[in-house]
């Protein structure tokens, strides 16, 4: 049974993989004082073209000068680290105290020109580091489970 099958059975909730908790994505609430997130590629396999998928609620993301609510950043065409600016959305008085959320997950192109995510053996181990960085160990979904297929460091600034 693949990780994708197991996530389907768990309704997308985290699952145990050999004593580690695997997730489909990493989502966090963005405090109002955070203005930027730097994402660095620690290592990446060459078996697929890796993408970093991002989506936002309650905030917008500015990547390479473009204001977006969703994006895929392909690691073969982006610097490492690359900056994601967090831009507050205009809020009504009723929603003024709400924080935004940012979600990140790995995606890939296996050479066919089709973007894949959340299928096969795709999953993420979330590894908070002592220096405030969150390290994501991502399995790309192709072949067996390999949480070293794509490793990212995320630092909020």
Foldseek 3Di string as FASTA:
>chain_A
DAVLVVCVVVVQAWDDDPNATWHQKDKDWDDPVFFKKWKFWPDADPQWFKWKKKAKDQWWWAFPNDTHRIDIHTPVPDDGTGMITTGGDDDDPVCVPGTMMMMIAMWTGNPPPDIDGSEAHWIWGWDQDPVQWIKIQIAHRPDHGGSNNIIMIMHTD
